[in-house]
Amino acid sequence: MNQDEFIKQLRVELNNSQLMFNEHNVCRLIIDNSTIIDLEWLENNILYFYAEIGHSQHLSKEELIILLEANAFGQGVGKASIAIDNQQVLLQQSLSTLELSFVAFIDELEPFITHAIGWKNQLLIS
């Protein structure tokens, strides 16, 4: 699937004709007016999706350990992983776009959104 086909199908699926990739090849999805999922289409046939779920400077040592344990074998993140970039705690996942179907993308995105919302809520409460 190429980027143009992908964004056309995403617009239809989400009923949002305004969706597009910006000059950095990033398309931003806003879920329930609170969770931001960025989709980044890379030139090497990779589609990254990521969401900020917290800030590392606000987390205790115990919370950081919980995040690392969640990463182990995907037990708390599914096929995604947790990373820290510039003190942002991110949930991230990547897919190859070479043989990607839109149905396969949605099948990956839905659990990713569930995990992102769950971790974001857990880290806000903690």
PDB file of N, CA and C in Angstrom:
ATOM      1  N   MET A   1       0.840  -1.167   0.000  1.00  0.00           N
ATOM      2  CA  MET A   1       0.000   0.000   0.000  1.00  0.00           C
ATOM      3  C   MET A   1       0.888   1.234   0.000  1.00  0.00           C
ATOM      4  N   ASN A   2       0.538   2.188  -0.814  1.00  0.00           N
ATOM      5  CA  ASN A   2       1.322   3.419  -0.796  1.00  0.00           C
ATOM      6  C   ASN A   2       0.646   4.452   0.111  1.00  0.00           C
ATOM      7  N   GLN A   3       1.348   5.535   0.358  1.00  0.00           N
ATOM      8  CA  GLN A   3       0.894   6.544   1.296  1.00  0.00           C
ATOM      9  C   GLN A   3      -0.427   7.204   0.855  1.00  0.00           C
ATOM     10  N   ASP A   4      -0.582   7.470  -0.428  1.00  0.00           N
ATOM     11  CA  ASP A   4      -1.805   8.099  -0.931  1.00  0.00           C
ATOM     12  C   ASP A   4      -3.020   7.197  -0.750  1.00  0.00           C
ATOM     13  N   GLU A   5      -2.864   5.908  -1.074  1.00  0.00           N
ATOM     14  CA  GLU A   5      -3.963   4.962  -0.880  1.00  0.00           C
ATOM     15  C   GLU A   5      -4.322   4.856   0.597  1.00  0.00           C
ATOM     16  N   PHE A   6      -3.288   4.821   1.419  1.00  0.00           N
ATOM     17  CA  PHE A   6      -3.490   4.690   2.860  1.00  0.00           C
ATOM     18  C   PHE A   6      -4.306   5.857   3.410  1.00  0.00           C
ATOM     19  N   ILE A   7      -3.897   7.077   3.105  1.00  0.00           N
ATOM     20  CA  ILE A   7      -4.574   8.245   3.683  1.00  0.00           C
ATOM     21  C   ILE A   7      -6.003   8.361   3.157  1.00  0.00           C
ATOM     22  N   LYS A   8      -6.246   7.974   1.912  1.00  0.00           N
ATOM     23  CA  LYS A   8      -7.609   7.986   1.380  1.00  0.00           C
ATOM     24  C   LYS A   8      -8.505   7.034   2.170  1.00  0.00           C
ATOM     25  N   GLN A   9      -7.999   5.843   2.430  1.00  0.00           N
ATOM     26  CA  GLN A   9      -8.783   4.863   3.184  1.00  0.00           C
ATOM     27  C   GLN A   9      -8.967   5.296   4.635  1.00  0.00           C
ATOM     28  N   LEU A  10      -7.945   5.917   5.216  1.00  0.00           N
ATOM     29  CA  LEU A  10      -8.044   6.391   6.593  1.00  0.00           C
ATOM     30  C   LEU A  10      -9.105   7.494   6.709  1.00  0.00           C
ATOM     31  N   ARG A  11      -9.149   8.378   5.738  1.00  0.00           N
ATOM     32  CA  ARG A  11     -10.166   9.441   5.733  1.00  0.00           C
ATOM     33  C   ARG A  11     -11.570   8.857   5.724  1.00  0.00           C
ATOM     34  N   VAL A  12     -11.768   7.838   4.899  1.00  0.00           N
ATOM     35  CA  VAL A  12     -13.077   7.193   4.816  1.00  0.00           C
ATOM     36  C   VAL A  12     -13.393   6.471   6.124  1.00  0.00           C
ATOM     37  N   GLU A  13     -12.450   5.693   6.622  1.00  0.00           N
ATOM     38  CA  GLU A  13     -12.659   4.904   7.846  1.00  0.00           C
ATOM     39  C   GLU A  13     -13.000   5.792   9.033  1.00  0.00           C
ATOM     40  N   LEU A  14     -12.341   6.931   9.145  1.00  0.00           N
ATOM     41  CA  LEU A  14     -12.539   7.820  10.292  1.00  0.00           C
ATOM     42  C   LEU A  14     -13.504   8.966   9.988  1.00  0.00           C
ATOM     43  N   ASN A  15     -14.044   8.958   8.774  1.00  0.00           N
ATOM     44  CA  ASN A  15     -14.991  10.001   8.349  1.00  0.00           C
ATOM     45  C   ASN A  15     -14.419  11.392   8.609  1.00  0.00           C
ATOM     46  N   ASN A  16     -13.190  11.580   8.154  1.00  0.00           N
ATOM     47  CA  ASN A  16     -12.498  12.857   8.363  1.00  0.00           C
ATOM     48  C   ASN A  16     -11.713  13.200   7.099  1.00  0.00           C
ATOM     49  N   SER A  17     -12.289  14.042   6.270  1.00  0.00           N
ATOM     50  CA  SER A  17     -11.650  14.400   5.000  1.00  0.00           C
ATOM     51  C   SER A  17     -10.435  15.296   5.186  1.00  0.00           C
ATOM     52  N   GLN A  18     -10.209  15.799   6.391  1.00  0.00           N
ATOM     53  CA  GLN A  18      -9.091  16.710   6.658  1.00  0.00           C
ATOM     54  C   GLN A  18      -7.779  15.994   6.973  1.00  0.00           C
ATOM     55  N   LEU A  19      -7.827  14.687   7.208  1.00  0.00           N
ATOM     56  CA  LEU A  19      -6.599  13.963   7.553  1.00  0.00           C
ATOM     57  C   LEU A  19      -5.601  14.021   6.408  1.00  0.00           C
ATOM     58  N   MET A  20      -4.342  14.273   6.775  1.00  0.00           N
ATOM     59  CA  MET A  20      -3.277  14.280   5.773  1.00  0.00           C
ATOM     60  C   MET A  20      -1.937  14.118   6.475  1.00  0.00           C
ATOM     61  N   PHE A  21      -0.954  13.732   5.708  1.00  0.00           N
ATOM     62  CA  PHE A  21       0.416  13.701   6.205  1.00  0.00           C
ATOM     63  C   PHE A  21       1.019  15.083   6.009  1.00  0.00           C
ATOM     64  N   ASN A  22       1.712  15.580   7.028  1.00  0.00           N
ATOM     65  CA  ASN A  22       2.338  16.897   6.914  1.00  0.00           C
ATOM     66  C   ASN A  22       3.694  16.789   6.212  1.00  0.00           C
ATOM     67  N   GLU A  23       4.448  17.876   6.217  1.00  0.00           N
ATOM     68  CA  GLU A  23       5.746  17.904   5.529  1.00  0.00           C
ATOM     69  C   GLU A  23       6.765  16.946   6.133  1.00  0.00           C
ATOM     70  N   HIS A  24       6.484  16.451   7.340  1.00  0.00           N
ATOM     71  CA  HIS A  24       7.369  15.475   7.991  1.00  0.00           C
ATOM     72  C   HIS A  24       6.817  14.057   7.870  1.00  0.00           C
ATOM     73  N   ASN A  25       5.806  13.893   7.020  1.00  0.00           N
ATOM     74  CA  ASN A  25       5.139  12.601   6.808  1.00  0.00           C
ATOM     75  C   ASN A  25       4.473  12.073   8.065  1.00  0.00           C
ATOM     76  N   VAL A  26       3.926  12.977   8.866  1.00  0.00           N
ATOM     77  CA  VAL A  26       3.205  12.607  10.086  1.00  0.00           C
ATOM     78  C   VAL A  26       1.745  12.995   9.940  1.00  0.00           C
ATOM     79  N   CYS A  27       0.873  12.078  10.302  1.00  0.00           N
ATOM     80  CA  CYS A  27      -0.571  12.329  10.340  1.00  0.00           C
ATOM     81  C   CYS A  27      -1.012  12.128  11.788  1.00  0.00           C
ATOM     82  N   ARG A  28      -1.703  13.097  12.329  1.00  0.00           N
ATOM     83  CA  ARG A  28      -2.106  13.067  13.741  1.00  0.00           C
ATOM     84  C   ARG A  28      -3.567  12.660  13.864  1.00  0.00           C
ATOM     85  N   LEU A  29      -3.797  11.638  14.702  1.00  0.00           N
ATOM     86  CA  LEU A  29      -5.153  11.217  15.041  1.00  0.00           C
ATOM     87  C   LEU A  29      -5.420  11.633  16.483  1.00  0.00           C
ATOM     88  N   ILE A  30      -6.587  12.180  16.737  1.00  0.00           N
ATOM     89  CA  ILE A  30      -6.971  12.540  18.097  1.00  0.00           C
ATOM     90  C   ILE A  30      -8.138  11.646  18.488  1.00  0.00           C
ATOM     91  N   ILE A  31      -7.915  10.851  19.526  1.00  0.00           N
ATOM     92  CA  ILE A  31      -8.894   9.870  19.965  1.00  0.00           C
ATOM     93  C   ILE A  31      -9.602  10.401  21.209  1.00  0.00           C
ATOM     94  N   ASP A  32     -10.920  10.468  21.160  1.00  0.00           N
ATOM     95  CA  ASP A  32     -11.734  10.919  22.305  1.00  0.00           C
ATOM     96  C   ASP A  32     -11.286  12.269  22.854  1.00  0.00           C
ATOM     97  N   ASN A  33     -10.829  13.141  21.993  1.00  0.00           N
ATOM     98  CA  ASN A  33     -10.391  14.492  22.375  1.00  0.00           C
ATOM     99  C   ASN A  33      -9.301  14.520  23.433  1.00  0.00           C
ATOM    100  N   SER A  34      -8.597  13.391  23.639  1.00  0.00           N
ATOM    101  CA  SER A  34      -7.589  13.399  24.696  1.00  0.00           C
ATOM    102  C   SER A  34      -6.316  12.634  24.366  1.00  0.00           C
ATOM    103  N   THR A  35      -6.398  11.640  23.542  1.00  0.00           N
ATOM    104  CA  THR A  35      -5.228  10.819  23.229  1.00  0.00           C
ATOM    105  C   THR A  35      -4.788  11.098  21.800  1.00  0.00           C
ATOM    106  N   ILE A  36      -3.529  11.446  21.653  1.00  0.00           N
ATOM    107  CA  ILE A  36      -2.976  11.749  20.331  1.00  0.00           C
ATOM    108  C   ILE A  36      -2.145  10.566  19.855  1.00  0.00           C
ATOM    109  N   ILE A  37      -2.471  10.082  18.670  1.00  0.00           N
ATOM    110  CA  ILE A  37      -1.705   9.021  18.018  1.00  0.00           C
ATOM    111  C   ILE A  37      -1.108   9.635  16.757  1.00  0.00           C
ATOM    112  N   ASP A  38       0.205   9.635  16.675  1.00  0.00           N
ATOM    113  CA  ASP A  38       0.870  10.127  15.469  1.00  0.00           C
ATOM    114  C   ASP A  38       1.249   8.936  14.599  1.00  0.00           C
ATOM    115  N   LEU A  39       0.936   9.042  13.327  1.00  0.00           N
ATOM    116  CA  LEU A  39       1.319   8.044  12.322  1.00  0.00           C
ATOM    117  C   LEU A  39       2.414   8.673  11.487  1.00  0.00           C
ATOM    118  N   GLU A  40       3.563   8.027  11.421  1.00  0.00           N
ATOM    119  CA  GLU A  40       4.678   8.573  10.655  1.00  0.00           C
ATOM    120  C   GLU A  40       5.077   7.578   9.571  1.00  0.00           C
ATOM    121  N   TRP A  41       4.961   8.015   8.329  1.00  0.00           N
ATOM    122  CA  TRP A  41       5.266   7.180   7.161  1.00  0.00           C
ATOM    123  C   TRP A  41       6.714   7.434   6.773  1.00  0.00           C
ATOM    124  N   LEU A  42       7.568   6.443   6.969  1.00  0.00           N
ATOM    125  CA  LEU A  42       8.987   6.598   6.666  1.00  0.00           C
ATOM    126  C   LEU A  42       9.296   6.119   5.260  1.00  0.00           C
ATOM    127  N   GLU A  43      10.348   6.678   4.679  1.00  0.00           N
ATOM    128  CA  GLU A  43      10.728   6.342   3.307  1.00  0.00           C
ATOM    129  C   GLU A  43      11.196   4.901   3.144  1.00  0.00           C
ATOM    130  N   ASN A  44      11.597   4.266   4.233  1.00  0.00           N
ATOM    131  CA  ASN A  44      12.091   2.890   4.136  1.00  0.00           C
ATOM    132  C   ASN A  44      10.972   1.864   4.337  1.00  0.00           C
ATOM    133  N   ASN A  45       9.762   2.237   3.914  1.00  0.00           N
ATOM    134  CA  ASN A  45       8.608   1.331   3.933  1.00  0.00           C
ATOM    135  C   ASN A  45       8.178   0.914   5.337  1.00  0.00           C
ATOM    136  N   ILE A  46       8.294   1.839   6.271  1.00  0.00           N
ATOM    137  CA  ILE A  46       7.875   1.592   7.645  1.00  0.00           C
ATOM    138  C   ILE A  46       6.846   2.641   8.040  1.00  0.00           C
ATOM    139  N   LEU A  47       5.784   2.197   8.681  1.00  0.00           N
ATOM    140  CA  LEU A  47       4.797   3.091   9.265  1.00  0.00           C
ATOM    141  C   LEU A  47       4.921   2.981  10.781  1.00  0.00           C
ATOM    142  N   TYR A  48       5.307   4.063  11.408  1.00  0.00           N
ATOM    143  CA  TYR A  48       5.391   4.120  12.869  1.00  0.00           C
ATOM    144  C   TYR A  48       4.118   4.740  13.393  1.00  0.00           C
ATOM    145  N   PHE A  49       3.617   4.220  14.498  1.00  0.00           N
ATOM    146  CA  PHE A  49       2.599   4.954  15.222  1.00  0.00           C
ATOM    147  C   PHE A  49       3.024   5.022  16.667  1.00  0.00           C
ATOM    148  N   TYR A  50       2.793   6.194  17.257  1.00  0.00           N
ATOM    149  CA  TYR A  50       3.250   6.417  18.624  1.00  0.00           C
ATOM    150  C   TYR A  50       2.341   7.402  19.330  1.00  0.00           C
ATOM    151  N   ALA A  51       2.325   7.271  20.657  1.00  0.00           N
ATOM    152  CA  ALA A  51       1.494   8.128  21.501  1.00  0.00           C
ATOM    153  C   ALA A  51       2.267   8.459  22.764  1.00  0.00           C
ATOM    154  N   GLU A  52       2.196   9.711  23.178  1.00  0.00           N
ATOM    155  CA  GLU A  52       2.801  10.103  24.439  1.00  0.00           C
ATOM    156  C   GLU A  52       1.872   9.640  25.556  1.00  0.00           C
ATOM    157  N   ILE A  53       2.429   8.875  26.500  1.00  0.00           N
ATOM    158  CA  ILE A  53       1.614   8.349  27.592  1.00  0.00           C
ATOM    159  C   ILE A  53       2.043   8.908  28.947  1.00  0.00           C
ATOM    160  N   GLY A  54       3.112   9.693  28.980  1.00  0.00           N
ATOM    161  CA  GLY A  54       3.555  10.280  30.238  1.00  0.00           C
ATOM    162  C   GLY A  54       4.855  11.032  30.066  1.00  0.00           C
ATOM    163  N   HIS A  55       5.379  11.518  31.179  1.00  0.00           N
ATOM    164  CA  HIS A  55       6.662  12.231  31.212  1.00  0.00           C
ATOM    165  C   HIS A  55       7.563  11.558  32.229  1.00  0.00           C
ATOM    166  N   SER A  56       8.759  11.213  31.825  1.00  0.00           N
ATOM    167  CA  SER A  56       9.647  10.442  32.686  1.00  0.00           C
ATOM    168  C   SER A  56      10.025  11.170  33.964  1.00  0.00           C
ATOM    169  N   GLN A  57      10.141  12.499  33.925  1.00  0.00           N
ATOM    170  CA  GLN A  57      10.548  13.226  35.125  1.00  0.00           C
ATOM    171  C   GLN A  57       9.475  13.195  36.208  1.00  0.00           C
ATOM    172  N   HIS A  58       8.230  12.832  35.853  1.00  0.00           N
ATOM    173  CA  HIS A  58       7.143  12.752  36.821  1.00  0.00           C
ATOM    174  C   HIS A  58       6.940  11.347  37.374  1.00  0.00           C
ATOM    175  N   LEU A  59       7.718  10.394  36.878  1.00  0.00           N
ATOM    176  CA  LEU A  59       7.510   9.001  37.272  1.00  0.00           C
ATOM    177  C   LEU A  59       8.471   8.591  38.380  1.00  0.00           C
ATOM    178  N   SER A  60       7.953   7.782  39.268  1.00  0.00           N
ATOM    179  CA  SER A  60       8.795   7.227  40.332  1.00  0.00           C
ATOM    180  C   SER A  60       9.607   6.055  39.782  1.00  0.00           C
ATOM    181  N   LYS A  61      10.569   5.629  40.542  1.00  0.00           N
ATOM    182  CA  LYS A  61      11.371   4.468  40.161  1.00  0.00           C
ATOM    183  C   LYS A  61      10.465   3.248  39.999  1.00  0.00           C
ATOM    184  N   GLU A  62       9.499   3.108  40.886  1.00  0.00           N
ATOM    185  CA  GLU A  62       8.583   1.962  40.822  1.00  0.00           C
ATOM    186  C   GLU A  62       7.751   1.988  39.535  1.00  0.00           C
ATOM    187  N   GLU A  63       7.302   3.180  39.136  1.00  0.00           N
ATOM    188  CA  GLU A  63       6.523   3.298  37.902  1.00  0.00           C
ATOM    189  C   GLU A  63       7.381   2.975  36.679  1.00  0.00           C
ATOM    190  N   LEU A  64       8.626   3.402  36.696  1.00  0.00           N
ATOM    191  CA  LEU A  64       9.523   3.075  35.583  1.00  0.00           C
ATOM    192  C   LEU A  64       9.758   1.569  35.502  1.00  0.00           C
ATOM    193  N   ILE A  65       9.866   0.923  36.645  1.00  0.00           N
ATOM    194  CA  ILE A  65      10.032  -0.538  36.661  1.00  0.00           C
ATOM    195  C   ILE A  65       8.785  -1.212  36.094  1.00  0.00           C
ATOM    196  N   ILE A  66       7.602  -0.711  36.453  1.00  0.00           N
ATOM    197  CA  ILE A  66       6.349  -1.267  35.914  1.00  0.00           C
ATOM    198  C   ILE A  66       6.326  -1.142  34.393  1.00  0.00           C
ATOM    199  N   LEU A  67       6.762  -0.003  33.877  1.00  0.00           N
ATOM    200  CA  LEU A  67       6.796   0.192  32.425  1.00  0.00           C
ATOM    201  C   LEU A  67       7.761  -0.777  31.752  1.00  0.00           C
ATOM    202  N   LEU A  68       8.928  -0.965  32.353  1.00  0.00           N
ATOM    203  CA  LEU A  68       9.887  -1.909  31.782  1.00  0.00           C
ATOM    204  C   LEU A  68       9.347  -3.338  31.817  1.00  0.00           C
ATOM    205  N   GLU A  69       8.694  -3.689  32.906  1.00  0.00           N
ATOM    206  CA  GLU A  69       8.114  -5.032  32.997  1.00  0.00           C
ATOM    207  C   GLU A  69       7.008  -5.222  31.961  1.00  0.00           C
ATOM    208  N   ALA A  70       6.242  -4.172  31.689  1.00  0.00           N
ATOM    209  CA  ALA A  70       5.184  -4.254  30.679  1.00  0.00           C
ATOM    210  C   ALA A  70       5.770  -4.504  29.289  1.00  0.00           C
ATOM    211  N   ASN A  71       6.974  -4.008  29.062  1.00  0.00           N
ATOM    212  CA  ASN A  71       7.649  -4.200  27.778  1.00  0.00           C
ATOM    213  C   ASN A  71       8.088  -5.647  27.572  1.00  0.00           C
ATOM    214  N   ALA A  72       8.377  -6.347  28.655  1.00  0.00           N
ATOM    215  CA  ALA A  72       8.908  -7.712  28.553  1.00  0.00           C
ATOM    216  C   ALA A  72       7.900  -8.623  27.859  1.00  0.00           C
ATOM    217  N   PHE A  73       8.270  -9.112  26.702  1.00  0.00           N
ATOM    218  CA  PHE A  73       7.464 -10.044  25.912  1.00  0.00           C
ATOM    219  C   PHE A  73       6.080  -9.496  25.575  1.00  0.00           C
ATOM    220  N   GLY A  74       5.934  -8.172  25.592  1.00  0.00           N
ATOM    221  CA  GLY A  74       4.673  -7.544  25.217  1.00  0.00           C
ATOM    222  C   GLY A  74       3.538  -7.761  26.197  1.00  0.00           C
ATOM    223  N   GLN A  75       3.857  -8.196  27.416  1.00  0.00           N
ATOM    224  CA  GLN A  75       2.789  -8.564  28.341  1.00  0.00           C
ATOM    225  C   GLN A  75       1.868  -7.416  28.737  1.00  0.00           C
ATOM    226  N   GLY A  76       2.332  -6.181  28.629  1.00  0.00           N
ATOM    227  CA  GLY A  76       1.479  -5.052  28.967  1.00  0.00           C
ATOM    228  C   GLY A  76       1.287  -4.073  27.833  1.00  0.00           C
ATOM    229  N   VAL A  77       1.837  -4.415  26.661  1.00  0.00           N
ATOM    230  CA  VAL A  77       1.781  -3.473  25.537  1.00  0.00           C
ATOM    231  C   VAL A  77       1.419  -4.128  24.212  1.00  0.00           C
ATOM    232  N   GLY A  78       1.127  -5.405  24.213  1.00  0.00           N
ATOM    233  CA  GLY A  78       0.823  -6.095  22.962  1.00  0.00           C
ATOM    234  C   GLY A  78       2.032  -6.101  22.042  1.00  0.00           C
ATOM    235  N   LYS A  79       1.851  -5.707  20.803  1.00  0.00           N
ATOM    236  CA  LYS A  79       2.947  -5.676  19.829  1.00  0.00           C
ATOM    237  C   LYS A  79       3.725  -4.364  19.870  1.00  0.00           C
ATOM    238  N   ALA A  80       3.293  -3.442  20.721  1.00  0.00           N
ATOM    239  CA  ALA A  80       3.965  -2.143  20.843  1.00  0.00           C
ATOM    240  C   ALA A  80       5.101  -2.250  21.858  1.00  0.00           C
ATOM    241  N   SER A  81       5.787  -1.149  22.052  1.00  0.00           N
ATOM    242  CA  SER A  81       6.819  -1.075  23.081  1.00  0.00           C
ATOM    243  C   SER A  81       6.798   0.311  23.691  1.00  0.00           C
ATOM    244  N   ILE A  82       7.368   0.401  24.880  1.00  0.00           N
ATOM    245  CA  ILE A  82       7.442   1.675  25.589  1.00  0.00           C
ATOM    246  C   ILE A  82       8.866   2.191  25.487  1.00  0.00           C
ATOM    247  N   ALA A  83       8.995   3.482  25.230  1.00  0.00           N
ATOM    248  CA  ALA A  83      10.311   4.107  25.110  1.00  0.00           C
ATOM    249  C   ALA A  83      10.257   5.494  25.743  1.00  0.00           C
ATOM    250  N   ILE A  84      11.432   6.033  26.041  1.00  0.00           N
ATOM    251  CA  ILE A  84      11.534   7.406  26.537  1.00  0.00           C
ATOM    252  C   ILE A  84      12.357   8.189  25.529  1.00  0.00           C
ATOM    253  N   ASP A  85      11.804   9.322  25.093  1.00  0.00           N
ATOM    254  CA  ASP A  85      12.467  10.200  24.139  1.00  0.00           C
ATOM    255  C   ASP A  85      12.285  11.631  24.624  1.00  0.00           C
ATOM    256  N   ASN A  86      13.390  12.306  24.932  1.00  0.00           N
ATOM    257  CA  ASN A  86      13.321  13.681  25.446  1.00  0.00           C
ATOM    258  C   ASN A  86      12.355  13.813  26.622  1.00  0.00           C
ATOM    259  N   GLN A  87      12.430  12.882  27.530  1.00  0.00           N
ATOM    260  CA  GLN A  87      11.612  12.811  28.751  1.00  0.00           C
ATOM    261  C   GLN A  87      10.149  12.490  28.496  1.00  0.00           C
ATOM    262  N   GLN A  88       9.766  12.288  27.262  1.00  0.00           N
ATOM    263  CA  GLN A  88       8.412  11.830  26.954  1.00  0.00           C
ATOM    264  C   GLN A  88       8.399  10.312  26.993  1.00  0.00           C
ATOM    265  N   VAL A  89       7.407   9.753  27.676  1.00  0.00           N
ATOM    266  CA  VAL A  89       7.221   8.307  27.665  1.00  0.00           C
ATOM    267  C   VAL A  89       6.275   8.012  26.508  1.00  0.00           C
ATOM    268  N   LEU A  90       6.738   7.196  25.578  1.00  0.00           N
ATOM    269  CA  LEU A  90       5.981   6.900  24.358  1.00  0.00           C
ATOM    270  C   LEU A  90       5.617   5.435  24.275  1.00  0.00           C
ATOM    271  N   LEU A  91       4.430   5.174  23.791  1.00  0.00           N
ATOM    272  CA  LEU A  91       4.068   3.845  23.337  1.00  0.00           C
ATOM    273  C   LEU A  91       4.243   3.897  21.829  1.00  0.00           C
ATOM    274  N   GLN A  92       4.962   2.939  21.274  1.00  0.00           N
ATOM    275  CA  GLN A  92       5.248   2.988  19.835  1.00  0.00           C
ATOM    276  C   GLN A  92       5.167   1.603  19.206  1.00  0.00           C
ATOM    277  N   GLN A  93       4.866   1.600  17.920  1.00  0.00           N
ATOM    278  CA  GLN A  93       4.787   0.364  17.161  1.00  0.00           C
ATOM    279  C   GLN A  93       5.109   0.686  15.713  1.00  0.00           C
ATOM    280  N   SER A  94       5.626  -0.278  14.991  1.00  0.00           N
ATOM    281  CA  SER A  94       5.903  -0.063  13.576  1.00  0.00           C
ATOM    282  C   SER A  94       5.378  -1.234  12.752  1.00  0.00           C
ATOM    283  N   LEU A  95       5.064  -0.906  11.506  1.00  0.00           N
ATOM    284  CA  LEU A  95       4.588  -1.900  10.547  1.00  0.00           C
ATOM    285  C   LEU A  95       5.296  -1.684   9.219  1.00  0.00           C
ATOM    286  N   SER A  96       5.553  -2.754   8.518  1.00  0.00           N
ATOM    287  CA  SER A  96       6.065  -2.637   7.152  1.00  0.00           C
ATOM    288  C   SER A  96       4.914  -2.244   6.251  1.00  0.00           C
ATOM    289  N   THR A  97       5.160  -1.291   5.356  1.00  0.00           N
ATOM    290  CA  THR A  97       4.116  -0.865   4.420  1.00  0.00           C
ATOM    291  C   THR A  97       4.170  -1.636   3.101  1.00  0.00           C
ATOM    292  N   LEU A  98       5.159  -2.501   2.935  1.00  0.00           N
ATOM    293  CA  LEU A  98       5.323  -3.201   1.661  1.00  0.00           C
ATOM    294  C   LEU A  98       4.113  -4.046   1.293  1.00  0.00           C
ATOM    295  N   GLU A  99       3.612  -4.821   2.237  1.00  0.00           N
ATOM    296  CA  GLU A  99       2.458  -5.670   1.959  1.00  0.00           C
ATOM    297  C   GLU A  99       1.313  -5.361   2.912  1.00  0.00           C
ATOM    298  N   LEU A 100       1.273  -4.143   3.414  1.00  0.00           N
ATOM    299  CA  LEU A 100       0.276  -3.748   4.395  1.00  0.00           C
ATOM    300  C   LEU A 100      -1.086  -3.529   3.739  1.00  0.00           C
ATOM    301  N   SER A 101      -2.088  -4.172   4.283  1.00  0.00           N
ATOM    302  CA  SER A 101      -3.460  -3.886   3.867  1.00  0.00           C
ATOM    303  C   SER A 101      -4.057  -2.942   4.907  1.00  0.00           C
ATOM    304  N   PHE A 102      -5.088  -2.249   4.505  1.00  0.00           N
ATOM    305  CA  PHE A 102      -5.708  -1.313   5.441  1.00  0.00           C
ATOM    306  C   PHE A 102      -6.369  -2.069   6.592  1.00  0.00           C
ATOM    307  N   VAL A 103      -6.949  -3.215   6.309  1.00  0.00           N
ATOM    308  CA  VAL A 103      -7.571  -4.037   7.354  1.00  0.00           C
ATOM    309  C   VAL A 103      -6.518  -4.463   8.371  1.00  0.00           C
ATOM    310  N   ALA A 104      -5.347  -4.860   7.898  1.00  0.00           N
ATOM    311  CA  ALA A 104      -4.264  -5.256   8.812  1.00  0.00           C
ATOM    312  C   ALA A 104      -3.823  -4.069   9.662  1.00  0.00           C
ATOM    313  N   PHE A 105      -3.772  -2.882   9.071  1.00  0.00           N
ATOM    314  CA  PHE A 105      -3.412  -1.689   9.835  1.00  0.00           C
ATOM    315  C   PHE A 105      -4.418  -1.452  10.956  1.00  0.00           C
ATOM    316  N   ILE A 106      -5.707  -1.500  10.645  1.00  0.00           N
ATOM    317  CA  ILE A 106      -6.747  -1.284  11.656  1.00  0.00           C
ATOM    318  C   ILE A 106      -6.654  -2.349  12.744  1.00  0.00           C
ATOM    319  N   ASP A 107      -6.364  -3.593  12.344  1.00  0.00           N
ATOM    320  CA  ASP A 107      -6.214  -4.674  13.325  1.00  0.00           C
ATOM    321  C   ASP A 107      -5.061  -4.418  14.289  1.00  0.00           C
ATOM    322  N   GLU A 108      -4.046  -3.701  13.849  1.00  0.00           N
ATOM    323  CA  GLU A 108      -2.917  -3.340  14.713  1.00  0.00           C
ATOM    324  C   GLU A 108      -3.201  -2.060  15.502  1.00  0.00           C
ATOM    325  N   LEU A 109      -3.881  -1.111  14.871  1.00  0.00           N
ATOM    326  CA  LEU A 109      -4.126   0.180  15.509  1.00  0.00           C
ATOM    327  C   LEU A 109      -5.091   0.081  16.685  1.00  0.00           C
ATOM    328  N   GLU A 110      -6.135  -0.706  16.553  1.00  0.00           N
ATOM    329  CA  GLU A 110      -7.150  -0.769  17.616  1.00  0.00           C
ATOM    330  C   GLU A 110      -6.573  -1.202  18.962  1.00  0.00           C
ATOM    331  N   PRO A 111      -5.809  -2.297  19.048  1.00  0.00           N
ATOM    332  CA  PRO A 111      -5.230  -2.636  20.357  1.00  0.00           C
ATOM    333  C   PRO A 111      -4.183  -1.619  20.811  1.00  0.00           C
ATOM    334  N   PHE A 112      -3.490  -1.001  19.860  1.00  0.00           N
ATOM    335  CA  PHE A 112      -2.525   0.035  20.210  1.00  0.00           C
ATOM    336  C   PHE A 112      -3.231   1.191  20.925  1.00  0.00           C
ATOM    337  N   ILE A 113      -4.359   1.624  20.390  1.00  0.00           N
ATOM    338  CA  ILE A 113      -5.119   2.709  21.008  1.00  0.00           C
ATOM    339  C   ILE A 113      -5.570   2.304  22.417  1.00  0.00           C
ATOM    340  N   THR A 114      -6.048   1.081  22.555  1.00  0.00           N
ATOM    341  CA  THR A 114      -6.474   0.597  23.869  1.00  0.00           C
ATOM    342  C   THR A 114      -5.332   0.648  24.867  1.00  0.00           C
ATOM    343  N   HIS A 115      -4.155   0.180  24.466  1.00  0.00           N
ATOM    344  CA  HIS A 115      -2.980   0.214  25.351  1.00  0.00           C
ATOM    345  C   HIS A 115      -2.566   1.648  25.655  1.00  0.00           C
ATOM    346  N   ALA A 116      -2.573   2.513  24.646  1.00  0.00           N
ATOM    347  CA  ALA A 116      -2.162   3.907  24.859  1.00  0.00           C
ATOM    348  C   ALA A 116      -3.074   4.592  25.869  1.00  0.00           C
ATOM    349  N   ILE A 117      -4.373   4.426  25.716  1.00  0.00           N
ATOM    350  CA  ILE A 117      -5.317   5.047  26.646  1.00  0.00           C
ATOM    351  C   ILE A 117      -5.150   4.457  28.043  1.00  0.00           C
ATOM    352  N   GLY A 118      -4.990   3.145  28.115  1.00  0.00           N
ATOM    353  CA  GLY A 118      -4.824   2.490  29.412  1.00  0.00           C
ATOM    354  C   GLY A 118      -3.581   2.966  30.151  1.00  0.00           C
ATOM    355  N   TRP A 119      -2.449   3.026  29.453  1.00  0.00           N
ATOM    356  CA  TRP A 119      -1.207   3.474  30.097  1.00  0.00           C
ATOM    357  C   TRP A 119      -1.273   4.954  30.444  1.00  0.00           C
ATOM    358  N   LYS A 120      -1.832   5.738  29.574  1.00  0.00           N
ATOM    359  CA  LYS A 120      -1.954   7.168  29.859  1.00  0.00           C
ATOM    360  C   LYS A 120      -2.776   7.391  31.119  1.00  0.00           C
ATOM    361  N   ASN A 121      -3.893   6.692  31.227  1.00  0.00           N
ATOM    362  CA  ASN A 121      -4.743   6.808  32.416  1.00  0.00           C
ATOM    363  C   ASN A 121      -4.034   6.295  33.658  1.00  0.00           C
ATOM    364  N   GLN A 122      -3.330   5.194  33.538  1.00  0.00           N
ATOM    365  CA  GLN A 122      -2.623   4.639  34.699  1.00  0.00           C
ATOM    366  C   GLN A 122      -1.526   5.595  35.180  1.00  0.00           C
ATOM    367  N   LEU A 123      -0.794   6.179  34.258  1.00  0.00           N
ATOM    368  CA  LEU A 123       0.300   7.066  34.657  1.00  0.00           C
ATOM    369  C   LEU A 123      -0.228   8.397  35.183  1.00  0.00           C
ATOM    370  N   LEU A 124      -1.400   8.829  34.741  1.00  0.00           N
ATOM    371  CA  LEU A 124      -1.983  10.057  35.279  1.00  0.00           C
ATOM    372  C   LEU A 124      -2.498   9.853  36.693  1.00  0.00           C
ATOM    373  N   ILE A 125      -3.014   8.657  36.951  1.00  0.00           N
ATOM    374  CA  ILE A 125      -3.561   8.350  38.270  1.00  0.00           C
ATOM    375  C   ILE A 125      -2.451   8.138  39.289  1.00  0.00           C
ATOM    376  N   SER A 126      -1.350   7.537  38.834  1.00  0.00           N
ATOM    377  CA  SER A 126      -0.262   7.182  39.756  1.00  0.00           C
ATOM    378  C   SER A 126       0.376   8.396  40.376  1.00  0.00           C
TER     379      SER A 126
END
